[in-house]
Amino acid sequence: MPFFVLSILIQVCLVIHILKTGRPTIWIWVVVLLPMAGTIAYVIMEILPELMGTRTARRAVQNISKTINPNKDLNRASFELERADTVENNMRLADEFLVRNQFAEAKALYEKCLRGVHATDPALMASLAKAEFGLGEFATAKAVLDRLIETNPDYKNESCHLLYARSLEILNDIPGAEHEYQALAKYYSGPEAKYRYALLCKRLGKNAEAKKLLEEILSTFRTSGKHYEHLHKEWLGKVKAEL
């Protein structure tokens, strides 16, 4: 069968599948106007997840989707906020801005949310602190985190803890930063906290302690498998450079 005829048959089958399964009609135009690329995109993004249903497949589809349309989630969050000005929709859009390092936009939305019954919401406060830190407002970030702990004493979040330690270090509260890094090094799930603690030790002239921490990080990489190494490869390179 000629390739052209086979291509037409595949397109017809996919259009029927799109209509029967209630997919967005934009897919019809993608498949028809971009026969090869459109067909491949539809199969990967719509059909394979149904057939496989695994976390890996979903992650692969998400990565492909972001490559094809990097602003999809941002646009959707913006649309949802225009449709309904709720705290949830404001926070979703703020989170998208935060991921893109658009800290000023994220900050404005988080502050808008932190009112009334949500004035001490720990997740909102944690995100606001990240936005302030991204803007270089380190004292403000620390103040937000101080208030977070004051109003939510049972709230535990390792990324907030690390942000607090980094803020103290930048603000030159070295004893405070060292204390926080010591605590973080005992439980933080990735290598970043221990790496930053090693750098602080090196800065304080505690070279033996710094070397010990860096070697502990390398040991964790050796025993944690390829997935851990892939997930934290940035820090592995930095640790090797320090050693």
Protein backbone atom coordinates (compact mmCIF):
# COMPACT_ATOMS: atom_id res chain seq x y z
CA MET A 1 0.00 0.00 0.00
CA PRO A 2 1.47 3.38 -0.97
CA PHE A 3 2.68 5.43 1.96
CA PHE A 4 0.40 8.34 1.02
CA VAL A 5 -2.72 6.15 1.18
CA LEU A 6 -1.57 4.63 4.49
CA SER A 7 -0.99 8.11 5.88
CA ILE A 8 -4.52 9.17 4.91
CA LEU A 9 -6.01 6.07 6.55
CA ILE A 10 -4.10 6.73 9.76
CA GLN A 11 -5.30 10.34 9.80
CA VAL A 12 -8.92 9.23 9.29
CA CYS A 13 -8.64 6.70 12.11
CA LEU A 14 -7.17 9.28 14.45
CA VAL A 15 -9.86 11.85 13.61
CA ILE A 16 -12.52 9.25 14.38
CA HIS A 17 -10.73 8.45 17.66
CA ILE A 18 -10.61 12.16 18.56
CA LEU A 19 -14.34 12.57 17.95
CA LYS A 20 -15.37 9.38 19.71
CA THR A 21 -13.27 10.01 22.82
CA GLY A 22 -14.21 13.68 23.15
CA ARG A 23 -10.68 15.04 22.76
CA PRO A 24 -10.28 18.78 22.07
CA THR A 25 -11.09 19.42 18.42
CA ILE A 26 -7.80 21.29 18.01
CA TRP A 27 -6.26 17.82 17.66
CA ILE A 28 -8.16 17.30 14.40
CA TRP A 29 -6.41 20.31 12.87
CA VAL A 30 -3.05 19.18 14.24
CA VAL A 31 -3.43 15.68 12.76
CA VAL A 32 -4.78 16.90 9.40
CA LEU A 33 -2.47 19.86 8.83
CA LEU A 34 0.68 18.19 10.23
CA PRO A 35 0.30 14.58 9.06
CA MET A 36 3.56 13.16 10.39
CA ALA A 37 4.31 15.41 13.38
CA GLY A 38 0.64 15.72 14.36
CA THR A 39 0.10 11.97 14.30
CA ILE A 40 3.19 11.31 16.41
CA ALA A 41 2.26 14.05 18.91
CA TYR A 42 -1.30 12.73 19.28
CA VAL A 43 -0.19 9.15 19.78
CA ILE A 44 2.41 10.11 22.38
CA MET A 45 0.33 12.67 24.28
CA GLU A 46 -3.14 11.13 24.13
CA ILE A 47 -3.03 7.42 23.28
CA LEU A 48 0.14 6.13 24.96
CA PRO A 49 -0.80 7.36 28.45
CA GLU A 50 -4.04 5.37 28.22
CA LEU A 51 -2.22 2.25 27.08
CA MET A 52 0.63 2.50 29.57
CA GLY A 53 -0.79 4.39 32.55
CA THR A 54 2.57 4.46 34.32
CA ARG A 55 4.24 7.32 36.16
CA THR A 56 7.15 7.23 33.72
CA ALA A 57 4.82 7.50 30.75
CA ARG A 58 2.97 10.40 32.34
CA ARG A 59 6.24 12.19 33.07
CA ALA A 60 7.43 11.66 29.48
CA VAL A 61 4.16 13.01 28.12
CA GLN A 62 4.36 16.04 30.40
CA ASN A 63 7.90 16.77 29.23
CA ILE A 64 6.89 16.51 25.58
CA SER A 65 3.84 18.66 26.19
CA LYS A 66 5.96 21.35 27.84
CA THR A 67 8.39 21.27 24.94
CA ILE A 68 5.62 21.69 22.38
CA ASN A 69 3.70 24.28 24.39
CA PRO A 70 5.85 25.63 27.26
CA ASN A 71 3.23 28.18 28.31
CA LYS A 72 0.31 25.76 28.39
CA ASP A 73 0.05 25.60 32.19
CA LEU A 74 0.59 29.35 32.57
CA ASN A 75 -2.09 30.16 30.01
CA ARG A 76 -4.51 27.72 31.59
CA ALA A 77 -3.90 29.19 35.05
CA SER A 78 -4.44 32.71 33.68
CA PHE A 79 -7.68 31.65 32.02
CA GLU A 80 -8.96 29.98 35.18
CA LEU A 81 -8.22 33.13 37.21
CA GLU A 82 -10.08 35.30 34.71
CA ARG A 83 -13.01 32.89 34.92
CA ALA A 84 -13.06 32.74 38.73
CA ASP A 85 -11.02 35.03 41.02
CA THR A 86 -10.52 32.51 43.83
CA VAL A 87 -7.61 31.99 46.21
CA GLU A 88 -6.93 28.61 44.62
CA ASN A 89 -6.74 30.09 41.11
CA ASN A 90 -4.56 32.99 42.26
CA MET A 91 -2.20 30.57 43.95
CA ARG A 92 -2.04 28.32 40.89
CA LEU A 93 -1.06 31.24 38.67
CA ALA A 94 1.43 32.49 41.27
CA ASP A 95 3.03 29.04 41.37
CA GLU A 96 3.45 29.13 37.59
CA PHE A 97 5.15 32.54 37.84
CA LEU A 98 7.40 31.25 40.62
CA VAL A 99 8.53 28.26 38.53
CA ARG A 100 9.45 30.71 35.75
CA ASN A 101 11.40 32.96 38.16
CA GLN A 102 8.90 35.78 37.61
CA PHE A 103 9.15 36.62 41.28
CA ALA A 104 7.47 40.05 41.28
CA GLU A 105 4.32 38.67 39.63
CA ALA A 106 4.29 35.70 41.99
CA LYS A 107 4.75 37.92 45.06
CA ALA A 108 1.82 40.18 44.13
CA LEU A 109 -0.53 37.21 43.81
CA TYR A 110 0.63 35.51 47.02
CA GLU A 111 0.16 38.74 48.97
CA LYS A 112 -3.31 39.07 47.47
CA CYS A 113 -4.14 35.59 48.78
CA LEU A 114 -2.74 36.11 52.29
CA ARG A 115 -5.83 37.79 53.68
CA GLY A 116 -8.77 36.87 55.86
CA VAL A 117 -8.94 33.17 56.71
CA HIS A 118 -5.85 32.60 54.56
CA ALA A 119 -3.71 35.22 56.31
CA THR A 120 -1.53 32.59 57.98
CA ASP A 121 -1.79 29.80 55.42
CA PRO A 122 1.62 28.05 55.66
CA ALA A 123 1.81 27.01 51.99
CA LEU A 124 1.10 30.56 50.85
CA MET A 125 3.59 32.03 53.29
CA ALA A 126 6.26 29.54 52.23
CA SER A 127 5.75 30.45 48.58
CA LEU A 128 5.81 34.17 49.35
CA ALA A 129 9.14 33.71 51.14
CA LYS A 130 10.55 32.01 48.02
CA ALA A 131 9.38 34.92 45.87
CA GLU A 132 10.94 37.46 48.26
CA PHE A 133 14.20 35.50 48.27
CA GLY A 134 14.16 35.38 44.47
CA LEU A 135 13.78 39.17 44.42
CA GLY A 136 16.81 39.54 46.67
CA GLU A 137 14.70 40.66 49.63
CA PHE A 138 16.45 38.33 52.05
CA ALA A 139 15.47 40.12 55.26
CA THR A 140 11.83 40.11 54.16
CA ALA A 141 12.04 36.41 53.25
CA LYS A 142 13.40 35.66 56.73
CA ALA A 143 10.66 37.75 58.34
CA VAL A 144 7.98 35.85 56.39
CA LEU A 145 9.47 32.52 57.48
CA ASP A 146 9.70 33.70 61.10
CA ARG A 147 6.01 34.57 61.00
CA LEU A 148 5.21 31.26 59.33
CA ILE A 149 6.77 29.30 62.20
CA GLU A 150 5.22 31.61 64.79
CA THR A 151 1.71 31.10 63.41
CA ASN A 152 2.16 27.46 62.34
CA PRO A 153 4.53 25.88 64.90
CA ASP A 154 3.83 22.33 63.68
CA TYR A 155 4.53 23.08 60.01
CA LYS A 156 7.56 21.20 58.68
CA ASN A 157 9.08 21.86 55.26
CA GLU A 158 12.68 21.13 54.37
CA SER A 159 12.82 23.60 51.47
CA CYS A 160 11.62 26.40 53.77
CA HIS A 161 14.19 25.37 56.37
CA LEU A 162 16.96 25.55 53.77
CA LEU A 163 15.69 28.92 52.55
CA TYR A 164 15.82 30.18 56.13
CA ALA A 165 19.41 28.99 56.58
CA ARG A 166 20.46 30.59 53.29
CA SER A 167 18.78 33.85 54.27
CA LEU A 168 20.65 33.91 57.58
CA GLU A 169 23.95 33.29 55.82
CA ILE A 170 23.37 36.05 53.27
CA LEU A 171 22.34 38.41 56.09
CA ASN A 172 25.66 37.53 57.76
CA ASP A 173 24.12 35.79 60.77
CA ILE A 174 26.79 33.12 60.53
CA PRO A 175 26.18 31.42 63.91
CA GLY A 176 22.48 31.20 63.13
CA ALA A 177 23.13 29.85 59.63
CA GLU A 178 25.59 27.26 60.93
CA HIS A 179 23.06 26.06 63.49
CA GLU A 180 20.36 25.67 60.83
CA TYR A 181 22.67 23.92 58.36
CA GLN A 182 23.72 21.46 61.06
CA ALA A 183 20.09 20.53 61.62
CA LEU A 184 19.39 20.33 57.89
CA ALA A 185 22.38 18.09 57.19
CA LYS A 186 20.82 15.40 59.39
CA TYR A 187 17.54 15.05 57.51
CA TYR A 188 17.46 16.96 54.20
CA SER A 189 16.53 14.54 51.42
CA GLY A 190 18.95 15.83 48.77
CA PRO A 191 22.61 16.88 48.77
CA GLU A 192 22.09 20.65 48.58
CA ALA A 193 21.83 21.37 52.31
CA LYS A 194 24.92 19.38 53.20
CA TYR A 195 26.80 20.95 50.27
CA ARG A 196 25.94 24.48 51.40
CA TYR A 197 26.91 23.59 54.96
CA ALA A 198 30.28 22.34 53.65
CA LEU A 199 30.86 25.65 51.88
CA LEU A 200 30.07 27.54 55.08
CA CYS A 201 32.51 25.35 57.02
CA LYS A 202 35.15 26.06 54.40
CA ARG A 203 34.42 29.78 54.71
CA LEU A 204 34.93 29.52 58.48
CA GLY A 205 38.23 27.70 58.06
CA LYS A 206 36.82 24.34 59.15
CA ASN A 207 38.37 22.53 56.20
CA ALA A 208 38.38 19.06 57.72
CA GLU A 209 34.66 19.28 58.50
CA ALA A 210 33.96 20.62 55.00
CA LYS A 211 35.86 17.76 53.38
CA LYS A 212 34.05 15.22 55.53
CA LEU A 213 30.65 16.59 54.49
CA LEU A 214 31.57 16.59 50.80
CA GLU A 215 32.83 13.00 51.01
CA GLU A 216 29.59 11.98 52.73
CA ILE A 217 27.67 13.45 49.80
CA LEU A 218 29.79 11.47 47.33
CA SER A 219 29.24 8.31 49.35
CA THR A 220 25.47 8.85 49.17
CA PHE A 221 25.70 9.20 45.39
CA ARG A 222 27.62 5.94 45.13
CA THR A 223 25.05 3.99 47.14
CA SER A 224 21.82 5.61 45.91
CA GLY A 225 21.73 4.48 42.29
CA LYS A 226 21.37 6.15 38.90
CA HIS A 227 18.01 7.76 39.61
CA TYR A 228 19.40 9.74 42.55
CA GLU A 229 22.45 10.73 40.49
CA HIS A 230 20.28 11.90 37.60
CA LEU A 231 18.00 13.84 39.96
CA HIS A 232 20.86 15.66 41.67
CA LYS A 233 23.56 15.71 38.96
CA GLU A 234 24.04 19.47 39.35
CA TRP A 235 25.16 19.02 42.96
CA LEU A 236 27.35 16.04 42.12
CA GLY A 237 29.33 18.22 39.74
CA LYS A 238 29.69 20.96 42.33
CA VAL A 239 30.84 18.52 45.02
CA LYS A 240 33.47 17.02 42.72
CA ALA A 241 34.69 20.49 41.84
CA GLU A 242 35.10 21.38 45.53
CA LEU A 243 37.02 18.19 46.23
